[in-house]
Protein backbone atom coordinates (compact mmCIF):
# COMPACT_ATOMS: atom_id res chain seq x y z
CA MET A 1 116.32 113.62 122.77
CA THR A 2 113.95 110.25 122.90
CA ALA A 3 110.12 110.67 122.57
CA ALA A 4 109.73 110.23 125.96
CA PRO A 5 111.51 112.31 127.71
CA ALA A 6 110.32 114.78 125.06
CA SER A 7 107.25 114.31 126.48
CA ARG A 8 107.73 114.23 130.08
CA ALA A 9 109.49 117.80 129.53
CA LEU A 10 106.47 119.55 127.32
CA VAL A 11 104.36 120.61 130.40
CA PRO A 12 107.13 122.53 131.74
CA VAL A 13 108.48 123.81 128.61
CA LEU A 14 105.02 124.91 127.89
CA ILE A 15 104.82 126.63 131.36
CA PHE A 16 108.15 128.27 130.49
CA VAL A 17 106.89 129.44 127.17
CA GLY A 18 104.08 131.39 129.46
CA THR A 19 106.83 132.75 131.78
CA VAL A 20 107.95 134.65 128.53
CA VAL A 21 104.67 136.64 128.29
CA ALA A 22 105.22 137.70 131.86
CA VAL A 23 108.58 138.94 131.30
CA ILE A 24 107.66 141.01 128.65
CA SER A 25 105.00 142.49 130.24
CA SER A 26 107.05 142.84 133.29
CA LEU A 27 109.95 144.78 131.54
CA GLY A 28 107.49 147.60 130.82
CA ALA A 29 106.17 149.58 133.73
CA PRO A 30 108.85 149.58 136.52
CA LEU A 31 111.22 150.90 133.96
CA VAL A 32 109.88 153.51 132.24
CA PRO A 33 111.09 156.40 134.50
CA ALA A 34 114.26 154.65 134.72
CA ILE A 35 114.43 154.66 131.02
CA ALA A 36 112.87 158.36 130.93
CA ASP A 37 116.18 159.34 133.24
CA ALA A 38 118.53 157.35 131.40
CA MET A 39 117.94 158.38 127.75
CA THR A 40 117.52 161.85 129.10
CA THR A 41 114.10 161.95 127.81
CA THR A 42 110.38 162.84 128.60
CA LEU A 43 108.26 160.53 130.34
CA PRO A 44 105.66 160.42 128.02
CA ASN A 45 108.40 159.77 125.27
CA ALA A 46 109.82 156.86 127.73
CA GLN A 47 106.10 155.51 128.12
CA TRP A 48 106.45 153.97 124.28
CA ALA A 49 108.81 151.52 125.96
CA LEU A 50 105.44 150.13 127.39
CA THR A 51 102.77 151.22 124.87
CA ILE A 52 104.47 149.80 121.79
CA THR A 53 104.47 146.44 123.36
CA LEU A 54 100.84 146.28 124.09
CA LEU A 55 99.98 147.87 120.52
CA VAL A 56 101.89 144.98 118.57
CA GLY A 57 100.63 142.51 121.40
CA ALA A 58 96.98 143.45 120.23
CA VAL A 59 97.66 143.44 116.34
CA ALA A 60 100.46 140.31 116.43
CA THR A 61 97.79 137.84 118.62
CA PRO A 62 94.74 137.12 115.98
CA VAL A 63 98.05 137.15 113.68
CA ILE A 64 100.16 134.82 115.29
CA GLY A 65 97.45 132.65 116.41
CA ARG A 66 96.25 132.07 112.73
CA LEU A 67 99.50 131.44 111.39
CA GLY A 68 99.73 128.71 114.15
CA ASP A 69 96.60 127.40 113.90
CA GLY A 70 97.69 124.15 111.60
CA PRO A 71 100.89 122.34 110.96
CA ARG A 72 103.02 125.21 111.05
CA ARG A 73 102.17 125.98 114.94
CA ARG A 74 105.78 124.54 115.87
CA ALA A 75 107.70 126.66 113.50
CA VAL A 76 105.48 129.64 114.43
CA VAL A 77 106.53 129.37 117.98
CA LEU A 78 110.03 129.08 117.29
CA ALA A 79 109.82 131.89 114.78
CA VAL A 80 108.38 134.49 117.42
CA LEU A 81 110.60 133.49 120.28
CA ALA A 82 113.52 134.04 117.90
CA VAL A 83 112.14 137.58 117.16
CA VAL A 84 111.31 138.34 120.77
CA THR A 85 115.18 137.13 121.38
CA VAL A 86 116.02 139.68 119.07
CA GLY A 87 113.79 142.40 120.16
CA GLY A 88 115.42 141.85 124.00
CA VAL A 89 118.93 142.31 122.76
CA LEU A 90 117.79 145.65 120.64
CA ALA A 91 116.73 146.80 123.74
CA ALA A 92 119.76 146.04 126.06
CA LEU A 93 122.16 147.49 123.34
CA PRO A 94 123.04 151.21 124.14
CA LEU A 95 121.52 152.34 120.92
CA GLY A 96 119.53 155.26 122.12
CA LEU A 97 115.41 155.26 122.89
CA GLY A 98 114.38 154.73 119.29
CA TRP A 99 116.23 151.14 119.11
CA LEU A 100 114.89 150.55 122.49
CA ILE A 101 111.32 151.02 121.16
CA ALA A 102 111.81 149.29 118.29
CA GLY A 103 113.19 146.41 120.35
CA ARG A 104 110.18 146.24 122.55
CA GLY A 105 107.96 146.56 119.65
CA LEU A 106 109.45 142.95 118.46
CA GLN A 107 109.16 141.92 122.12
CA GLY A 108 105.42 142.52 121.63
CA PHE A 109 105.10 139.84 119.41
CA GLY A 110 105.21 137.59 122.23
CA LEU A 111 102.65 138.47 123.56
CA GLY A 112 100.79 136.12 121.29
CA LEU A 113 102.59 133.34 122.59
CA THR A 114 100.15 132.25 124.98
CA PRO A 115 97.24 130.94 122.63
CA LEU A 116 99.63 128.42 120.91
CA ALA A 117 101.00 127.27 124.29
CA ILE A 118 97.24 126.37 125.15
CA ALA A 119 96.73 125.01 121.57
CA THR A 120 99.76 122.92 122.16
CA ALA A 121 98.51 121.72 125.36
CA ARG A 122 95.13 121.11 123.96
CA GLU A 123 96.05 118.76 121.42
CA ALA A 124 99.62 117.11 122.76
CA LEU A 125 97.58 116.40 126.41
CA GLU A 126 94.58 114.54 127.16
CA GLY A 127 91.81 114.09 130.02
CA ASP A 128 92.69 116.27 133.49
CA ARG A 129 96.24 116.74 132.60
CA SER A 130 95.26 118.80 129.48
CA ARG A 131 92.84 121.17 131.44
CA SER A 132 95.26 121.66 134.30
CA VAL A 133 97.73 122.43 132.12
CA ILE A 134 96.02 125.26 130.54
CA ALA A 135 94.77 126.36 133.80
CA ALA A 136 98.27 126.95 134.63
CA LEU A 137 99.41 128.39 131.45
CA SER A 138 96.51 131.09 132.29
CA VAL A 139 97.71 131.73 135.87
CA THR A 140 101.38 132.13 135.05
CA VAL A 141 100.83 135.18 133.23
CA VAL A 142 99.13 136.71 135.63
CA ALA A 143 101.63 135.12 138.71
CA GLY A 144 104.64 135.41 136.79
CA VAL A 145 103.95 139.27 136.05
CA GLY A 146 103.42 139.52 139.63
CA LEU A 147 107.05 137.95 140.04
CA GLY A 148 108.82 139.48 137.23
CA TYR A 149 108.13 142.85 138.15
CA PRO A 150 110.16 143.09 141.33
CA LEU A 151 112.80 141.08 139.83
CA ALA A 152 113.37 143.25 136.76
CA GLY A 153 113.32 146.19 139.11
CA LEU A 154 116.23 144.62 141.17
CA VAL A 155 118.27 143.52 137.82
CA ALA A 156 117.81 147.40 136.90
CA GLU A 157 118.95 148.40 139.99
CA LEU A 158 121.86 146.37 140.23
CA GLY A 159 123.13 146.44 136.70
CA GLY A 160 121.02 149.54 134.75
CA VAL A 161 117.95 149.94 132.51
CA HIS A 162 120.05 147.78 129.68
CA ALA A 163 120.59 144.79 132.12
CA ALA A 164 117.11 144.13 132.60
CA PHE A 165 116.23 143.97 128.94
CA TRP A 166 119.56 141.58 128.28
CA ALA A 167 118.16 139.11 131.03
CA GLY A 168 114.61 139.12 129.49
CA GLY A 169 116.39 138.65 125.88
CA ALA A 170 118.32 135.93 127.82
CA VAL A 171 115.00 134.18 129.15
CA SER A 172 113.34 134.34 125.55
CA PHE A 173 116.65 132.77 124.11
CA ALA A 174 116.40 130.05 126.70
CA ALA A 175 112.68 129.40 125.68
CA LEU A 176 113.69 129.30 121.98
CA LEU A 177 116.28 126.22 122.77
CA ALA A 178 113.45 124.39 125.04
CA SER A 179 110.96 124.85 122.53
CA ALA A 180 113.15 123.68 119.38
CA ALA A 181 113.96 120.69 121.74
CA VAL A 182 110.54 119.35 123.07
CA LEU A 183 108.10 121.07 120.98
CA PRO A 184 105.85 118.47 119.39
CA THR A 185 104.96 118.92 115.24
CA SER A 186 101.08 119.89 114.98
CA HIS A 187 98.57 117.41 113.31
CA THR A 188 95.69 119.55 113.01
CA SER A 189 94.52 120.63 109.49
CA SER A 190 95.42 123.72 107.16
CA PRO A 191 94.87 126.89 108.75
CA ARG A 192 92.86 129.36 107.11
CA PRO A 193 94.56 132.28 105.09
CA LEU A 194 95.83 135.17 106.80
CA ASP A 195 93.67 138.55 106.73
CA VAL A 196 96.82 140.81 105.50
CA LEU A 197 94.50 143.54 105.05
CA GLY A 198 92.79 143.44 108.19
CA ALA A 199 95.81 143.29 109.94
CA VAL A 200 97.25 146.43 108.28
CA LEU A 201 94.27 148.39 109.07
CA LEU A 202 94.13 147.23 112.64
CA GLY A 203 97.69 148.05 113.32
CA ALA A 204 97.49 151.32 111.19
CA GLY A 205 94.35 152.40 112.86
CA LEU A 206 95.29 151.60 116.44
CA ALA A 207 98.83 153.18 116.49
CA GLY A 208 97.76 156.19 114.63
CA ALA A 209 95.05 156.70 117.83
CA LEU A 210 97.66 155.76 120.57
CA LEU A 211 100.60 158.21 119.08
CA ALA A 212 97.82 160.76 119.12
CA LEU A 213 96.86 160.09 122.40
CA GLY A 214 100.28 159.35 123.60
CA GLN A 215 101.71 162.32 122.20
CA ALA A 216 98.85 165.21 122.40
CA GLU A 217 100.57 166.90 125.34
CA ALA A 218 103.86 167.61 123.18
CA TRP A 219 101.91 168.46 120.21
CA GLY A 220 99.46 170.81 121.97
CA TRP A 221 95.77 169.79 122.23
CA THR A 222 95.04 173.17 120.06
CA SER A 223 97.44 171.73 117.40
CA PRO A 224 95.28 170.46 114.08
CA VAL A 225 97.92 167.46 114.22
CA PRO A 226 96.35 165.11 117.11
CA TRP A 227 93.12 165.66 115.98
CA VAL A 228 93.55 165.08 111.92
CA LEU A 229 95.73 161.93 113.30
CA ILE A 230 92.54 160.92 115.42
CA ALA A 231 90.18 161.41 112.59
CA VAL A 232 92.47 159.19 110.14
CA SER A 233 92.72 156.57 112.76
CA ALA A 234 89.13 156.75 113.37
CA LEU A 235 88.61 156.06 109.83
CA MET A 236 91.05 153.29 109.34
CA LEU A 237 89.17 151.63 112.23
CA VAL A 238 85.74 151.82 110.80
CA CYS A 239 87.03 150.47 107.61
CA TRP A 240 88.43 147.43 109.47
CA ALA A 241 85.26 146.82 111.37
CA ILE A 242 83.42 146.89 107.67
CA TRP A 243 86.35 144.86 106.17
CA GLU A 244 86.30 142.27 108.95
CA LEU A 245 82.36 141.84 109.04
CA ARG A 246 82.37 141.26 104.82
CA THR A 247 85.47 138.72 104.45
CA PRO A 248 85.31 135.06 104.66
CA SER A 249 88.42 134.81 106.70
CA PRO A 250 88.44 137.69 109.41
CA LEU A 251 91.51 138.16 111.33
CA VAL A 252 89.16 138.81 114.09
CA ASP A 253 86.05 137.93 113.71
CA LEU A 254 83.64 140.64 114.98
CA ARG A 255 80.50 138.74 114.01
CA LEU A 256 81.05 136.91 117.51
CA ALA A 257 80.35 140.34 119.16
CA ARG A 258 76.93 140.23 118.55
CA GLY A 259 74.22 139.43 120.97
CA ARG A 260 74.26 141.41 124.36
CA ILE A 261 76.19 138.78 126.49
CA ALA A 262 79.11 138.62 124.12
CA ALA A 263 79.20 142.11 123.20
CA THR A 264 78.92 143.08 127.14
CA ALA A 265 82.07 140.83 127.98
CA HIS A 266 84.07 142.14 124.89
CA LEU A 267 83.53 145.84 125.73
CA ALA A 268 84.01 145.39 129.24
CA ALA A 269 87.38 143.69 128.17
CA LEU A 270 88.27 147.11 126.74
CA LEU A 271 87.27 149.21 129.53
CA VAL A 272 88.88 147.00 132.41
CA GLY A 273 91.86 146.36 130.28
CA THR A 274 92.19 150.73 129.87
CA SER A 275 91.32 151.11 133.60
CA ASN A 276 93.75 148.38 134.66
CA TYR A 277 97.03 150.27 133.15
CA LEU A 278 96.14 153.51 134.03
CA LEU A 279 96.84 152.01 137.63
CA LEU A 280 99.58 149.75 136.35
CA ALA A 281 101.81 152.73 134.12
CA SER A 282 101.03 155.46 136.55
CA VAL A 283 101.94 153.72 140.01
CA PRO A 284 105.78 152.93 138.96
CA VAL A 285 105.96 156.38 138.15
CA LEU A 286 104.53 157.62 141.48
CA ALA A 287 106.39 155.58 143.45
CA GLN A 288 110.24 156.30 142.07
CA ALA A 289 109.31 160.30 142.17
CA PRO A 290 111.43 162.32 143.77
CA ARG A 291 109.82 163.72 147.05
CA SER A 292 110.38 167.11 146.14
CA SER A 293 107.89 166.86 143.76
CA GLY A 294 105.34 166.50 146.64
CA SER A 295 103.72 163.32 145.49
CA GLY A 296 106.46 160.83 145.07
CA PHE A 297 108.18 158.54 147.29
CA GLY A 298 111.81 158.59 146.07
CA ALA A 299 111.93 154.11 146.21
CA SER A 300 113.81 152.78 144.05
CA ILE A 301 113.08 150.42 140.89
CA ALA A 302 112.76 147.63 142.82
CA VAL A 303 110.53 149.18 145.37
CA ALA A 304 108.48 150.22 142.28
CA GLY A 305 108.23 146.53 141.07
CA LEU A 306 107.56 145.52 144.65
CA ALA A 307 104.18 147.86 144.62
CA LEU A 308 102.73 146.06 141.50
CA LEU A 309 103.47 142.57 143.23
CA PRO A 310 99.78 142.62 145.62
CA PHE A 311 98.26 143.17 142.44
CA SER A 312 99.18 139.75 140.62
CA ALA A 313 98.95 137.97 144.02
CA ALA A 314 95.30 139.67 144.60
CA SER A 315 94.17 138.57 140.89
CA VAL A 316 95.39 135.11 141.49
CA LEU A 317 92.97 135.24 144.85
CA ALA A 318 90.03 136.71 142.37
CA GLY A 319 90.05 133.77 140.22
CA ARG A 320 88.71 131.82 142.97
CA LEU A 321 86.66 134.46 144.80
CA ALA A 322 84.92 134.93 141.59
CA ARG A 323 84.32 130.91 141.07
CA LEU A 324 82.82 130.80 144.14
CA LEU A 325 80.49 134.18 143.59
CA ALA A 326 79.57 132.92 140.36
CA ASP A 327 78.66 129.40 141.90
CA ARG A 328 76.48 131.11 144.71
CA ALA A 329 74.75 134.72 142.91
CA GLY A 330 75.23 133.90 139.50
CA LEU A 331 77.99 134.62 137.32
CA HIS A 332 76.03 137.86 135.76
CA HIS A 333 76.77 139.27 139.42
CA VAL A 334 80.50 138.74 138.98
CA LEU A 335 81.49 141.62 136.48
CA PRO A 336 79.94 144.07 137.58
CA VAL A 337 80.72 143.54 141.81
CA ALA A 338 84.53 143.05 140.23
CA ALA A 339 84.15 146.62 138.54
CA LEU A 340 82.79 148.38 141.67
CA VAL A 341 85.82 146.79 143.86
CA GLN A 342 88.24 148.02 141.39
CA SER A 343 86.59 151.38 141.21
CA VAL A 344 87.38 151.52 145.29
CA ALA A 345 90.89 151.13 144.11
CA PHE A 346 90.76 154.28 142.20
CA ILE A 347 89.08 156.25 145.16
CA LEU A 348 91.89 155.08 147.54
CA PHE A 349 94.28 156.12 144.92
CA GLY A 350 92.41 159.38 144.61
CA PHE A 351 92.53 160.39 148.54
CA ALA A 352 95.13 158.05 150.31
CA ARG A 353 98.20 158.07 148.99
CA THR A 354 100.65 159.72 151.10
CA ASP A 355 102.22 156.32 152.32
CA LEU A 356 103.69 153.67 150.35
CA TRP A 357 101.78 151.34 152.17
CA GLN A 358 98.65 153.03 151.08
CA VAL A 359 100.01 152.30 147.33
CA PHE A 360 100.07 148.76 148.32
CA LEU A 361 96.86 148.43 149.30
CA VAL A 362 95.37 150.66 146.33
CA MET A 363 96.99 147.69 143.93
CA ALA A 364 95.60 144.63 146.15
CA VAL A 365 92.22 145.87 145.96
CA ALA A 366 92.69 146.68 142.34
CA GLY A 367 94.13 142.93 141.43
CA LEU A 368 91.03 142.06 143.38
CA GLY A 369 88.90 143.62 140.60
CA VAL A 370 90.44 143.29 137.67
CA GLY A 371 91.34 139.49 138.18
CA GLY A 372 87.81 138.82 139.02
CA ALA A 373 86.80 140.31 136.22
CA PHE A 374 89.74 138.50 133.64
CA ALA A 375 88.52 135.51 135.16
CA THR A 376 84.63 136.11 134.53
CA PHE A 377 85.48 136.61 130.65
CA PRO A 378 85.75 133.22 129.25
CA ALA A 379 83.08 131.97 130.89
CA LEU A 380 80.76 134.85 129.06
CA VAL A 381 82.40 134.67 125.92
CA VAL A 382 81.68 130.40 126.29
CA SER A 383 78.04 130.99 126.97
CA ALA A 384 77.51 133.13 124.19
CA VAL A 385 79.04 131.55 121.36
CA PRO A 386 78.84 127.98 119.73
CA SER A 387 81.48 125.56 120.85
CA SER A 388 83.17 125.84 117.28
CA GLU A 389 83.88 129.11 117.71
CA THR A 390 85.34 129.44 121.13
CA GLY A 391 88.81 129.90 119.89
CA SER A 392 88.31 133.00 118.02
CA ALA A 393 85.71 134.80 120.60
CA MET A 394 88.52 134.78 122.95
CA SER A 395 91.02 135.58 120.32
CA LEU A 396 88.35 138.76 120.11
CA ASN A 397 88.43 139.27 123.64
CA GLN A 398 91.99 138.98 124.15
CA VAL A 399 92.93 141.39 121.31
CA LEU A 400 90.21 144.16 123.03
CA ARG A 401 92.18 143.68 126.47
CA TYR A 402 95.50 144.66 124.81
CA VAL A 403 93.83 147.50 123.05
CA GLY A 404 92.30 148.64 126.54
CA PHE A 405 96.51 147.96 128.09
CA ALA A 406 97.77 150.20 125.40
CA ILE A 407 95.12 152.91 125.53
CA GLY A 408 95.33 152.82 129.51
CA SER A 409 99.40 153.22 128.91
CA ALA A 410 99.27 156.02 126.50
CA LEU A 411 96.77 157.74 128.17
CA THR A 412 98.31 158.03 131.67
CA ALA A 413 101.36 159.39 129.77
CA THR A 414 99.66 162.32 128.39
CA VAL A 415 97.37 162.66 131.60
CA LEU A 416 100.90 163.07 133.67
CA ALA A 417 102.82 164.81 131.16
CA SER A 418 100.12 167.46 131.32
CA ALA A 419 100.65 167.68 135.14
CA THR A 420 103.94 168.15 135.00
CA PRO A 421 105.57 171.89 135.49
CA GLU A 422 107.99 173.03 133.41
CA THR A 423 110.27 173.59 135.46
CA ALA A 424 109.99 170.30 137.47
CA GLY A 425 110.78 166.62 136.23
CA ALA A 426 108.00 164.58 137.95
CA PRO A 427 104.17 165.18 137.63
CA SER A 428 102.43 167.16 140.14
CA SER A 429 99.52 165.31 142.74
CA SER A 430 96.91 166.72 140.77
CA GLY A 431 97.84 164.03 137.84
CA TYR A 432 97.69 161.02 139.73
CA SER A 433 94.13 162.65 141.15
CA THR A 434 93.01 163.18 137.40
CA ILE A 435 94.13 159.43 136.91
CA ALA A 436 91.73 158.61 139.99
CA VAL A 437 89.07 160.11 138.39
CA LEU A 438 89.43 158.89 134.88
CA GLY A 439 89.77 155.41 136.11
CA LEU A 440 86.82 155.54 138.32
CA ALA A 441 84.63 156.86 135.64
CA VAL A 442 85.78 153.89 133.62
CA CYS A 443 85.22 151.42 136.28
CA LEU A 444 81.75 153.15 137.03
CA LEU A 445 80.98 152.64 132.89
CA THR A 446 82.17 148.56 133.41
CA ALA A 447 79.75 148.22 136.12
CA VAL A 448 76.75 149.75 134.44
CA VAL A 449 77.46 147.61 130.98
CA ALA A 450 77.86 144.69 133.05
CA TRP A 451 74.62 145.05 135.10
CA LEU A 452 72.72 144.99 132.11
CA LEU A 453 73.51 141.44 131.23
CA PRO A 454 70.65 139.58 131.22
CA PRO A 455 71.02 136.36 134.17
CA GLY A 456 68.27 134.38 132.14
CA ARG A 457 70.30 133.76 129.10
CA ILE A 458 73.16 132.97 130.70
CA ARG A 459 74.69 129.47 130.17
CA GLN A 460 76.60 128.72 132.88
CA PRO A 461 79.52 126.16 132.88
CA SER A 462 80.64 124.30 135.57
CA HIS A 463 83.51 126.62 136.09
CA ALA A 464 82.08 129.65 135.74
CA ALA A 465 84.61 131.92 136.68
CA GLY A 466 87.51 130.11 136.49
């Protein structure tokens, strides 16, 4: 391939790589009930097909970013896409739940691809074209998930759960071939050394905490096992934080969270991520639960995926609305308003879920809140750190989002498991009411935290919330 065609193909290939992230996410939430049925297992066990991907993504994102921060970027992208493809094949083969979860874990490495795609666009493209592609990559993940949810559900409906994972593996393999043909070699300087100890401590701490949270109902809350695991995990995370603050080349630079604006942006990312997945993980279960359970709609996987489409559509719209609000009222107002909008979604979820259209409405309102918050985080982070540290600060924000996603997923599994009668195969209505209460509490906490932002100290960029 000549240089000119390769250059012209770079933009669509980068968008395609971003789409892989959306596909990986799309293969999670809508398929959990179907995985439980196909594997003859419980919902909490099947929920690990989603939680493990988010957990691996939380740890892999800074690791992949560090490995790809230099002349090895092209090789890292290709290696990650190869790992994601292998993960798709493992998940697709009828080898049992353990292998499916392992495959989904390998697919989680793909969640670290978007920062590398953005870095490639920033280096290889110029001016307005670079900025427009970077903006498109940011939207691709949200918009792609919205399309991916119903498509993944439709494929699974027609060909079974494994067919959806075969389709995901095919997409990542196509992205691997396209990237090998088009991606340029990076000309940036050599990267800093990889913080291996930091990655191990972070991964082990998060894995232990999420395992305890996700399996607490199965082990029993009176058992010492989950509490000991939580204590050990907390100790490991404290050790990780101390190490990150002292090492000269940290995996995640926690020093960039100092200051009220930065700390608020990062804490809010964790909280919004948690509340976000309380709905994303519970709504597909509600939609597919049999009507005999007294709370479900008996919908197909495809319809359950469609129930999440309003969320993504509203998230894209919220980015534009957040920009308008920031321009007229100030950036410091956007995040608390977004949190309050999301809290309305949980109030609706608590009182209005007797018809499927009401669930669609809940997800649309939630998308407005989550999309507005996510659109605001970059501007808050940029306003709080030196320009030379923007990439590291955004990496920290991204990691905390994924951690919140994983916490929300694991917490949903525990809550719904505790609300599932022994003689029934689906959660009772009380489980979804508990989700609504928890989500509302997290959203209100987010609003309070965000309201403490000092408006006079925020340097509002011209693209404030977009």
